[in-house]
Amino acid sequence: MGIRYSPAIAVKAKSQKRGTNKSWRMDETYIKVKGQWTYLYRAVDSRGDTLDFMLATMLDILQVKYLNNIIEQDHRFIKKITKPMMGFKAFHSAQATIDGIETAHMIRKGQLSEENIPAYKQFMALAG
């Protein structure tokens, strides 16, 4: 069920998130898909808000290590959730799962609403 609806909910969430400041960083972490390490690129601003994310098999990115401390901290929640899964069997299911995880994380960080709306109500509004 998550594979089916997560991508659509993630697209809606990305379009509804609050504005960002001008300082942001991008970094990658790795997710196992079909036994192969796949890049998960993530961009966050200086407040720690998720700007965007993308799962890809190969992409050249310039890295500046000292600028990535905020995003390295933000990667921890992805690793904590995906590590027990021991990898994914297909790229599309990995992408759908990451869409759901990232959207839930944006809701928890309060990125989708300036008001103090409970997380489940925000999710229901996106899914509805």
N, C-alpha and C. Protein backbone atom coordinates (compact mmCIF):
# COMPACT_ATOMS: atom_id res chain seq x y z
N MET A 1 0.82 -1.19 0.00
CA MET A 1 0.00 0.00 0.00
C MET A 1 0.87 1.26 0.00
N GLY A 2 1.96 1.26 0.79
CA GLY A 2 2.85 2.41 0.83
C GLY A 2 3.51 2.67 -0.51
N ILE A 3 3.85 1.59 -1.23
CA ILE A 3 4.49 1.74 -2.54
C ILE A 3 3.55 2.45 -3.50
N ARG A 4 2.28 2.21 -3.35
CA ARG A 4 1.30 2.78 -4.26
C ARG A 4 1.03 4.27 -4.00
N TYR A 5 0.94 4.67 -2.74
CA TYR A 5 0.52 6.03 -2.42
C TYR A 5 1.63 6.97 -1.97
N SER A 6 2.73 6.45 -1.49
CA SER A 6 3.81 7.30 -0.98
C SER A 6 4.32 8.32 -1.98
N PRO A 7 4.58 7.94 -3.25
CA PRO A 7 5.08 8.95 -4.19
C PRO A 7 4.12 10.13 -4.38
N ALA A 8 2.84 9.86 -4.48
CA ALA A 8 1.86 10.95 -4.67
C ALA A 8 1.79 11.85 -3.44
N ILE A 9 1.84 11.24 -2.26
CA ILE A 9 1.80 12.03 -1.03
C ILE A 9 3.06 12.88 -0.91
N ALA A 10 4.22 12.32 -1.29
CA ALA A 10 5.49 13.07 -1.23
C ALA A 10 5.47 14.27 -2.17
N VAL A 11 4.92 14.10 -3.37
CA VAL A 11 4.83 15.22 -4.31
C VAL A 11 3.95 16.33 -3.74
N LYS A 12 2.83 15.95 -3.16
CA LYS A 12 1.93 16.94 -2.57
C LYS A 12 2.61 17.64 -1.39
N ALA A 13 3.33 16.88 -0.57
CA ALA A 13 4.01 17.46 0.59
C ALA A 13 5.08 18.45 0.16
N LYS A 14 5.85 18.11 -0.88
CA LYS A 14 6.91 19.01 -1.36
C LYS A 14 6.33 20.34 -1.84
N SER A 15 5.13 20.29 -2.41
CA SER A 15 4.54 21.53 -2.92
C SER A 15 3.92 22.39 -1.81
N GLN A 16 3.68 21.80 -0.63
CA GLN A 16 3.03 22.52 0.46
C GLN A 16 3.96 22.96 1.57
N LYS A 17 5.23 22.60 1.49
CA LYS A 17 6.12 22.92 2.62
C LYS A 17 6.41 24.41 2.70
N ARG A 18 6.77 24.84 3.90
CA ARG A 18 7.04 26.26 4.13
C ARG A 18 8.30 26.69 3.39
N GLY A 19 8.47 28.00 3.28
CA GLY A 19 9.64 28.55 2.59
C GLY A 19 10.94 28.22 3.31
N THR A 20 12.02 28.34 2.57
CA THR A 20 13.32 28.01 3.14
C THR A 20 14.20 29.25 3.16
N ASN A 21 15.27 29.16 3.93
CA ASN A 21 16.23 30.26 3.88
C ASN A 21 17.22 29.99 2.75
N LYS A 22 18.15 30.87 2.51
CA LYS A 22 19.02 30.76 1.35
C LYS A 22 20.23 29.86 1.56
N SER A 23 20.47 29.42 2.79
CA SER A 23 21.62 28.58 3.09
C SER A 23 21.19 27.12 3.11
N TRP A 24 21.73 26.30 2.20
CA TRP A 24 21.36 24.90 2.16
C TRP A 24 22.56 24.05 1.77
N ARG A 25 22.46 22.76 2.04
CA ARG A 25 23.53 21.80 1.77
C ARG A 25 22.94 20.54 1.15
N MET A 26 23.75 19.86 0.34
CA MET A 26 23.33 18.59 -0.24
C MET A 26 24.40 17.55 0.05
N ASP A 27 23.97 16.34 0.33
CA ASP A 27 24.89 15.25 0.61
C ASP A 27 24.20 13.95 0.24
N GLU A 28 24.96 12.87 0.21
CA GLU A 28 24.36 11.58 -0.08
C GLU A 28 24.59 10.61 1.06
N THR A 29 23.70 9.64 1.11
CA THR A 29 23.88 8.48 1.95
C THR A 29 23.58 7.30 1.05
N TYR A 30 23.70 6.11 1.55
CA TYR A 30 23.56 4.93 0.70
C TYR A 30 22.46 4.03 1.21
N ILE A 31 21.70 3.47 0.27
CA ILE A 31 20.62 2.54 0.55
C ILE A 31 20.87 1.31 -0.34
N LYS A 32 20.69 0.13 0.18
CA LYS A 32 20.92 -1.08 -0.61
C LYS A 32 19.65 -1.46 -1.37
N VAL A 33 19.78 -1.60 -2.70
CA VAL A 33 18.68 -2.01 -3.57
C VAL A 33 19.19 -3.17 -4.41
N LYS A 34 18.52 -4.31 -4.34
CA LYS A 34 18.93 -5.52 -5.06
C LYS A 34 20.39 -5.88 -4.79
N GLY A 35 20.83 -5.69 -3.56
CA GLY A 35 22.20 -6.03 -3.19
C GLY A 35 23.25 -5.02 -3.63
N GLN A 36 22.84 -3.94 -4.31
CA GLN A 36 23.76 -2.90 -4.78
C GLN A 36 23.53 -1.63 -3.98
N TRP A 37 24.60 -0.93 -3.65
CA TRP A 37 24.46 0.34 -2.95
C TRP A 37 23.96 1.39 -3.93
N THR A 38 22.92 2.12 -3.53
CA THR A 38 22.29 3.17 -4.33
C THR A 38 22.40 4.48 -3.56
N TYR A 39 22.63 5.57 -4.28
CA TYR A 39 22.76 6.87 -3.64
C TYR A 39 21.39 7.44 -3.28
N LEU A 40 21.27 7.96 -2.07
CA LEU A 40 20.10 8.75 -1.68
C LEU A 40 20.63 10.16 -1.44
N TYR A 41 20.35 11.06 -2.37
CA TYR A 41 20.78 12.45 -2.24
C TYR A 41 19.71 13.22 -1.48
N ARG A 42 20.15 14.04 -0.54
CA ARG A 42 19.24 14.83 0.26
C ARG A 42 19.77 16.24 0.39
N ALA A 43 18.87 17.22 0.33
CA ALA A 43 19.23 18.62 0.54
C ALA A 43 18.43 19.15 1.72
N VAL A 44 19.15 19.81 2.66
CA VAL A 44 18.49 20.43 3.81
C VAL A 44 19.03 21.85 3.97
N ASP A 45 18.21 22.71 4.56
CA ASP A 45 18.67 24.08 4.79
C ASP A 45 19.32 24.16 6.17
N SER A 46 19.76 25.35 6.54
CA SER A 46 20.51 25.52 7.79
C SER A 46 19.65 25.31 9.03
N ARG A 47 18.31 25.31 8.89
CA ARG A 47 17.42 25.00 10.01
C ARG A 47 17.22 23.49 10.16
N GLY A 48 17.71 22.73 9.17
CA GLY A 48 17.52 21.28 9.19
C GLY A 48 16.28 20.84 8.44
N ASP A 49 15.59 21.78 7.76
CA ASP A 49 14.40 21.43 7.00
C ASP A 49 14.80 20.73 5.70
N THR A 50 14.09 19.67 5.36
CA THR A 50 14.34 18.93 4.12
C THR A 50 13.85 19.75 2.94
N LEU A 51 14.73 20.00 1.98
CA LEU A 51 14.34 20.72 0.77
C LEU A 51 13.93 19.76 -0.33
N ASP A 52 14.73 18.73 -0.54
CA ASP A 52 14.44 17.75 -1.59
C ASP A 52 15.26 16.49 -1.34
N PHE A 53 14.88 15.42 -2.01
CA PHE A 53 15.60 14.16 -1.91
C PHE A 53 15.42 13.40 -3.21
N MET A 54 16.40 12.53 -3.53
CA MET A 54 16.34 11.78 -4.77
C MET A 54 17.15 10.50 -4.61
N LEU A 55 16.59 9.39 -5.05
CA LEU A 55 17.29 8.12 -5.06
C LEU A 55 17.82 7.91 -6.47
N ALA A 56 19.11 7.60 -6.60
CA ALA A 56 19.72 7.47 -7.93
C ALA A 56 20.81 6.40 -7.91
N THR A 57 21.07 5.83 -9.08
CA THR A 57 22.10 4.82 -9.18
C THR A 57 23.47 5.43 -9.40
N MET A 58 23.61 6.54 -10.10
CA MET A 58 24.91 7.15 -10.32
C MET A 58 24.73 8.64 -10.64
N LEU A 59 25.50 9.54 -10.00
CA LEU A 59 25.45 10.98 -10.20
C LEU A 59 26.70 11.61 -9.64
N ASP A 60 27.34 12.50 -10.37
CA ASP A 60 28.53 13.18 -9.88
C ASP A 60 28.12 14.43 -9.12
N ILE A 61 28.53 14.51 -7.85
CA ILE A 61 28.20 15.62 -6.97
C ILE A 61 29.48 16.14 -6.34
N LEU A 62 29.63 17.45 -6.28
CA LEU A 62 30.76 18.06 -5.59
C LEU A 62 30.47 18.06 -4.10
N GLN A 63 31.43 17.55 -3.33
CA GLN A 63 31.25 17.52 -1.89
C GLN A 63 32.25 18.43 -1.20
N VAL A 64 31.77 19.19 -0.25
CA VAL A 64 32.62 20.00 0.60
C VAL A 64 32.30 19.55 2.02
N LYS A 65 33.18 18.73 2.58
CA LYS A 65 32.89 18.03 3.84
C LYS A 65 32.47 18.93 4.98
N TYR A 66 33.16 20.04 5.22
CA TYR A 66 32.84 20.86 6.39
C TYR A 66 31.48 21.54 6.31
N LEU A 67 30.90 21.64 5.14
CA LEU A 67 29.59 22.27 4.99
C LEU A 67 28.43 21.29 5.23
N ASN A 68 28.74 20.01 5.34
CA ASN A 68 27.68 19.00 5.37
C ASN A 68 27.30 18.50 6.75
N ASN A 69 27.74 19.15 7.83
CA ASN A 69 27.45 18.66 9.17
C ASN A 69 25.96 18.56 9.46
N ILE A 70 25.17 19.55 9.06
CA ILE A 70 23.73 19.54 9.32
C ILE A 70 23.07 18.37 8.62
N ILE A 71 23.42 18.16 7.37
CA ILE A 71 22.77 17.08 6.63
C ILE A 71 23.23 15.71 7.10
N GLU A 72 24.49 15.59 7.54
CA GLU A 72 24.96 14.31 8.09
C GLU A 72 24.13 13.93 9.31
N GLN A 73 23.79 14.91 10.14
CA GLN A 73 22.96 14.64 11.30
C GLN A 73 21.56 14.20 10.87
N ASP A 74 21.06 14.80 9.79
CA ASP A 74 19.72 14.48 9.31
C ASP A 74 19.67 13.09 8.66
N HIS A 75 20.79 12.58 8.15
CA HIS A 75 20.83 11.24 7.55
C HIS A 75 20.54 10.15 8.58
N ARG A 76 20.82 10.43 9.84
CA ARG A 76 20.70 9.40 10.87
C ARG A 76 19.32 8.77 10.91
N PHE A 77 18.28 9.58 10.73
CA PHE A 77 16.93 9.01 10.83
C PHE A 77 16.66 8.04 9.68
N ILE A 78 17.18 8.31 8.49
CA ILE A 78 17.01 7.40 7.36
C ILE A 78 17.71 6.07 7.65
N LYS A 79 18.94 6.15 8.11
CA LYS A 79 19.71 4.94 8.41
C LYS A 79 19.04 4.12 9.50
N LYS A 80 18.50 4.79 10.50
CA LYS A 80 17.86 4.10 11.62
C LYS A 80 16.64 3.30 11.14
N ILE A 81 15.92 3.84 10.18
CA ILE A 81 14.71 3.17 9.68
C ILE A 81 15.05 2.11 8.63
N THR A 82 15.99 2.39 7.72
CA THR A 82 16.26 1.46 6.63
C THR A 82 17.23 0.34 6.98
N LYS A 83 18.08 0.52 7.97
CA LYS A 83 19.06 -0.52 8.31
C LYS A 83 18.41 -1.85 8.67
N PRO A 84 17.37 -1.87 9.52
CA PRO A 84 16.74 -3.17 9.83
C PRO A 84 16.08 -3.84 8.63
N MET A 85 15.79 -3.08 7.57
CA MET A 85 15.16 -3.65 6.38
C MET A 85 16.14 -4.50 5.56
N MET A 86 17.44 -4.31 5.79
CA MET A 86 18.49 -5.07 5.11
C MET A 86 18.44 -4.90 3.58
N GLY A 87 18.02 -3.73 3.12
CA GLY A 87 18.00 -3.45 1.69
C GLY A 87 16.62 -3.62 1.08
N PHE A 88 16.51 -3.25 -0.18
CA PHE A 88 15.26 -3.33 -0.92
C PHE A 88 15.44 -4.28 -2.10
N LYS A 89 14.36 -4.86 -2.58
CA LYS A 89 14.44 -5.79 -3.70
C LYS A 89 14.28 -5.10 -5.06
N ALA A 90 13.70 -3.90 -5.07
CA ALA A 90 13.48 -3.19 -6.33
C ALA A 90 13.63 -1.69 -6.12
N PHE A 91 14.09 -1.01 -7.16
CA PHE A 91 14.32 0.43 -7.09
C PHE A 91 13.02 1.18 -6.83
N HIS A 92 11.93 0.80 -7.51
CA HIS A 92 10.66 1.53 -7.34
C HIS A 92 10.12 1.40 -5.91
N SER A 93 10.30 0.22 -5.29
CA SER A 93 9.82 0.09 -3.92
C SER A 93 10.71 0.87 -2.96
N ALA A 94 12.02 0.93 -3.25
CA ALA A 94 12.93 1.74 -2.43
C ALA A 94 12.55 3.21 -2.53
N GLN A 95 12.27 3.70 -3.75
CA GLN A 95 11.90 5.10 -3.96
C GLN A 95 10.59 5.42 -3.23
N ALA A 96 9.60 4.54 -3.33
CA ALA A 96 8.31 4.78 -2.66
C ALA A 96 8.48 4.80 -1.14
N THR A 97 9.29 3.89 -0.62
CA THR A 97 9.53 3.85 0.82
C THR A 97 10.23 5.11 1.30
N ILE A 98 11.25 5.55 0.55
CA ILE A 98 11.98 6.77 0.89
C ILE A 98 11.04 7.97 0.82
N ASP A 99 10.16 8.01 -0.19
CA ASP A 99 9.17 9.09 -0.28
C ASP A 99 8.34 9.17 1.01
N GLY A 100 7.87 8.03 1.47
CA GLY A 100 7.06 8.00 2.69
C GLY A 100 7.85 8.40 3.93
N ILE A 101 9.07 7.89 4.05
CA ILE A 101 9.91 8.22 5.21
C ILE A 101 10.24 9.71 5.24
N GLU A 102 10.64 10.26 4.09
CA GLU A 102 11.00 11.68 4.03
C GLU A 102 9.79 12.57 4.30
N THR A 103 8.63 12.20 3.77
CA THR A 103 7.42 12.99 4.01
C THR A 103 7.05 12.98 5.49
N ALA A 104 7.11 11.81 6.11
CA ALA A 104 6.82 11.71 7.55
C ALA A 104 7.81 12.55 8.36
N HIS A 105 9.08 12.55 7.94
CA HIS A 105 10.09 13.32 8.64
C HIS A 105 9.85 14.83 8.48
N MET A 106 9.42 15.26 7.29
CA MET A 106 9.10 16.68 7.09
C MET A 106 7.92 17.09 7.97
N ILE A 107 6.93 16.20 8.11
CA ILE A 107 5.79 16.49 8.98
C ILE A 107 6.26 16.61 10.43
N ARG A 108 7.09 15.66 10.90
CA ARG A 108 7.61 15.71 12.26
C ARG A 108 8.41 16.97 12.54
N LYS A 109 9.14 17.47 11.53
CA LYS A 109 9.95 18.67 11.71
C LYS A 109 9.10 19.95 11.60
N GLY A 110 7.81 19.81 11.29
CA GLY A 110 6.92 20.96 11.21
C GLY A 110 7.08 21.77 9.94
N GLN A 111 7.57 21.16 8.89
CA GLN A 111 7.81 21.88 7.64
C GLN A 111 6.57 22.15 6.81
N LEU A 112 5.52 21.39 7.04
CA LEU A 112 4.35 21.51 6.16
C LEU A 112 3.26 22.40 6.71
N SER A 113 3.44 22.88 7.92
CA SER A 113 2.42 23.73 8.52
C SER A 113 3.06 24.69 9.52
N GLU A 114 2.72 25.94 9.43
CA GLU A 114 3.20 26.93 10.39
C GLU A 114 2.42 26.82 11.70
N GLU A 115 1.23 26.24 11.63
CA GLU A 115 0.39 26.09 12.81
C GLU A 115 0.77 24.80 13.54
N ASN A 116 0.32 24.66 14.75
CA ASN A 116 0.61 23.48 15.55
C ASN A 116 -0.45 22.40 15.32
N ILE A 117 -0.50 21.89 14.10
CA ILE A 117 -1.49 20.86 13.73
C ILE A 117 -0.86 19.49 14.00
N PRO A 118 -1.60 18.56 14.62
CA PRO A 118 -1.04 17.22 14.87
C PRO A 118 -0.59 16.54 13.58
N ALA A 119 0.45 15.74 13.70
CA ALA A 119 1.05 15.08 12.53
C ALA A 119 0.03 14.23 11.77
N TYR A 120 -0.82 13.48 12.49
CA TYR A 120 -1.77 12.61 11.80
C TYR A 120 -2.77 13.43 10.96
N LYS A 121 -3.14 14.63 11.43
CA LYS A 121 -4.05 15.47 10.65
C LYS A 121 -3.37 16.01 9.40
N GLN A 122 -2.07 16.35 9.51
CA GLN A 122 -1.33 16.80 8.34
C GLN A 122 -1.24 15.67 7.31
N PHE A 123 -0.95 14.46 7.79
CA PHE A 123 -0.87 13.32 6.88
C PHE A 123 -2.19 13.05 6.20
N MET A 124 -3.27 13.10 6.96
CA MET A 124 -4.60 12.86 6.40
C MET A 124 -4.95 13.92 5.34
N ALA A 125 -4.54 15.16 5.58
CA ALA A 125 -4.79 16.23 4.60
C ALA A 125 -4.01 15.96 3.31
N LEU A 126 -2.79 15.45 3.42
CA LEU A 126 -2.01 15.12 2.22
C LEU A 126 -2.59 13.92 1.49
N ALA A 127 -3.01 12.92 2.24
CA ALA A 127 -3.52 11.70 1.63
C ALA A 127 -4.93 11.88 1.08
N GLY A 128 -5.67 12.84 1.65
CA GLY A 128 -7.07 13.03 1.31
C GLY A 128 -7.27 13.57 -0.03
